[in-house]
Amino acid sequence: MTVLQQLETNARASGLLSLSNNAPEEGKADQPPTAKNLATRNSETLQAVEQNFTERSRLVANVQAAINTSTHRVTH
């Protein structure tokens, strides 16, 4: 599952994609969503966003390391 899919899943689960918090998750039409207070929803959203940026930073560092390795091999 990609980070973007995780963010969407977290947003759906916490009711952030529903203004009324009454829309069911996909595939769970018969089950009402769990009611959560705004502080909990904000905390979960911030955690998901932080995870997204952490993953992006890790990927950027890996790309930079790969570029440095490949340019080092070519020039020497």
C-alpha atoms as a PDB file:
ATOM      1  CA  MET A   1       0.000   0.000   0.000  1.00  0.00           C
ATOM      2  CA  THR A   2       1.412   3.368  -0.951  1.00  0.00           C
ATOM      3  CA  VAL A   3       1.722   6.205   1.517  1.00  0.00           C
ATOM      4  CA  LEU A   4      -0.963   8.130  -0.358  1.00  0.00           C
ATOM      5  CA  GLN A   5      -3.337   5.174  -0.047  1.00  0.00           C
ATOM      6  CA  GLN A   6      -2.539   4.973   3.672  1.00  0.00           C
ATOM      7  CA  LEU A   7      -3.366   8.669   4.067  1.00  0.00           C
ATOM      8  CA  GLU A   8      -6.654   8.194   2.238  1.00  0.00           C
ATOM      9  CA  THR A   9      -7.502   5.131   4.314  1.00  0.00           C
ATOM     10  CA  ASN A  10      -6.716   7.001   7.551  1.00  0.00           C
ATOM     11  CA  ALA A  11      -8.763  10.000   6.412  1.00  0.00           C
ATOM     12  CA  ARG A  12     -11.727   7.767   5.551  1.00  0.00           C
ATOM     13  CA  ALA A  13     -11.465   5.829   8.818  1.00  0.00           C
ATOM     14  CA  SER A  14     -11.354   9.009  10.896  1.00  0.00           C
ATOM     15  CA  GLY A  15     -14.230  10.626   9.007  1.00  0.00           C
ATOM     16  CA  LEU A  16     -12.138  13.436   7.543  1.00  0.00           C
ATOM     17  CA  LEU A  17     -13.425  12.698   4.032  1.00  0.00           C
ATOM     18  CA  SER A  18     -16.995  13.097   5.259  1.00  0.00           C
ATOM     19  CA  LEU A  19     -18.300  16.453   6.427  1.00  0.00           C
ATOM     20  CA  SER A  20     -21.000  14.813   8.526  1.00  0.00           C
ATOM     21  CA  ASN A  21     -18.893  11.825   9.614  1.00  0.00           C
ATOM     22  CA  ASN A  22     -21.842   9.674   8.517  1.00  0.00           C
ATOM     23  CA  ALA A  23     -20.467   8.328   5.235  1.00  0.00           C
ATOM     24  CA  PRO A  24     -19.425   4.667   5.514  1.00  0.00           C
ATOM     25  CA  GLU A  25     -16.042   3.413   4.408  1.00  0.00           C
ATOM     26  CA  GLU A  26     -15.890   1.697   1.054  1.00  0.00           C
ATOM     27  CA  GLY A  27     -16.986  -1.909   1.360  1.00  0.00           C
ATOM     28  CA  LYS A  28     -18.545  -1.355   4.780  1.00  0.00           C
ATOM     29  CA  ALA A  29     -21.949   0.089   3.880  1.00  0.00           C
ATOM     30  CA  ASP A  30     -23.740  -1.761   6.706  1.00  0.00           C
ATOM     31  CA  GLN A  31     -21.401  -0.672   9.485  1.00  0.00           C
ATOM     32  CA  PRO A  32     -21.580   2.841  10.945  1.00  0.00           C
ATOM     33  CA  PRO A  33     -18.222   4.642  11.205  1.00  0.00           C
ATOM     34  CA  THR A  34     -16.591   4.935  14.597  1.00  0.00           C
ATOM     35  CA  ALA A  35     -17.248   8.347  16.091  1.00  0.00           C
ATOM     36  CA  LYS A  36     -14.033  10.101  17.036  1.00  0.00           C
ATOM     37  CA  ASN A  37     -13.500  13.515  18.496  1.00  0.00           C
ATOM     38  CA  LEU A  38     -11.711  16.219  16.558  1.00  0.00           C
ATOM     39  CA  ALA A  39      -8.521  15.980  18.633  1.00  0.00           C
ATOM     40  CA  THR A  40      -8.197  12.277  17.851  1.00  0.00           C
ATOM     41  CA  ARG A  41      -8.859  12.862  14.153  1.00  0.00           C
ATOM     42  CA  ASN A  42      -6.320  15.691  14.046  1.00  0.00           C
ATOM     43  CA  SER A  43      -3.735  13.575  15.836  1.00  0.00           C
ATOM     44  CA  GLU A  44      -4.207  10.665  13.437  1.00  0.00           C
ATOM     45  CA  THR A  45      -4.046  12.984  10.429  1.00  0.00           C
ATOM     46  CA  LEU A  46      -0.869  14.667  11.659  1.00  0.00           C
ATOM     47  CA  GLN A  47       0.681  11.267  12.305  1.00  0.00           C
ATOM     48  CA  ALA A  48      -0.179  10.115   8.769  1.00  0.00           C
ATOM     49  CA  VAL A  49       1.204  13.328   7.239  1.00  0.00           C
ATOM     50  CA  GLU A  50       4.389  13.019   9.306  1.00  0.00           C
ATOM     51  CA  GLN A  51       4.761   9.423   8.145  1.00  0.00           C
ATOM     52  CA  ASN A  52       4.306  10.588   4.550  1.00  0.00           C
ATOM     53  CA  PHE A  53       7.039  13.223   4.837  1.00  0.00           C
ATOM     54  CA  THR A  54       9.354  10.809   6.648  1.00  0.00           C
ATOM     55  CA  GLU A  55       8.935   8.291   3.837  1.00  0.00           C
ATOM     56  CA  ARG A  56       9.511  10.981   1.197  1.00  0.00           C
ATOM     57  CA  SER A  57      12.664  12.146   2.970  1.00  0.00           C
ATOM     58  CA  ARG A  58      13.934   8.580   3.106  1.00  0.00           C
ATOM     59  CA  LEU A  59      13.263   8.105  -0.604  1.00  0.00           C
ATOM     60  CA  VAL A  60      14.986  11.392  -1.483  1.00  0.00           C
ATOM     61  CA  ALA A  61      18.015  10.377   0.589  1.00  0.00           C
ATOM     62  CA  ASN A  62      18.132   7.026  -1.222  1.00  0.00           C
ATOM     63  CA  VAL A  63      17.937   8.728  -4.621  1.00  0.00           C
ATOM     64  CA  GLN A  64      20.666  11.195  -3.641  1.00  0.00           C
ATOM     65  CA  ALA A  65      22.882   8.352  -2.438  1.00  0.00           C
ATOM     66  CA  ALA A  66      22.300   6.472  -5.690  1.00  0.00           C
ATOM     67  CA  ILE A  67      23.154   9.568  -7.727  1.00  0.00           C
ATOM     68  CA  ASN A  68      26.302  10.198  -5.691  1.00  0.00           C
ATOM     69  CA  THR A  69      27.360   6.580  -6.090  1.00  0.00           C
ATOM     70  CA  SER A  70      26.762   6.553  -9.839  1.00  0.00           C
ATOM     71  CA  THR A  71      28.535   9.881 -10.457  1.00  0.00           C
ATOM     72  CA  HIS A  72      31.440   8.778  -8.273  1.00  0.00           C
ATOM     73  CA  ARG A  73      31.867   5.620 -10.344  1.00  0.00           C
ATOM     74  CA  VAL A  74      31.679   7.498 -13.658  1.00  0.00           C
ATOM     75  CA  THR A  75      34.171  10.237 -12.769  1.00  0.00           C
ATOM     76  CA  HIS A  76      36.802   8.039 -11.144  1.00  0.00           C
END
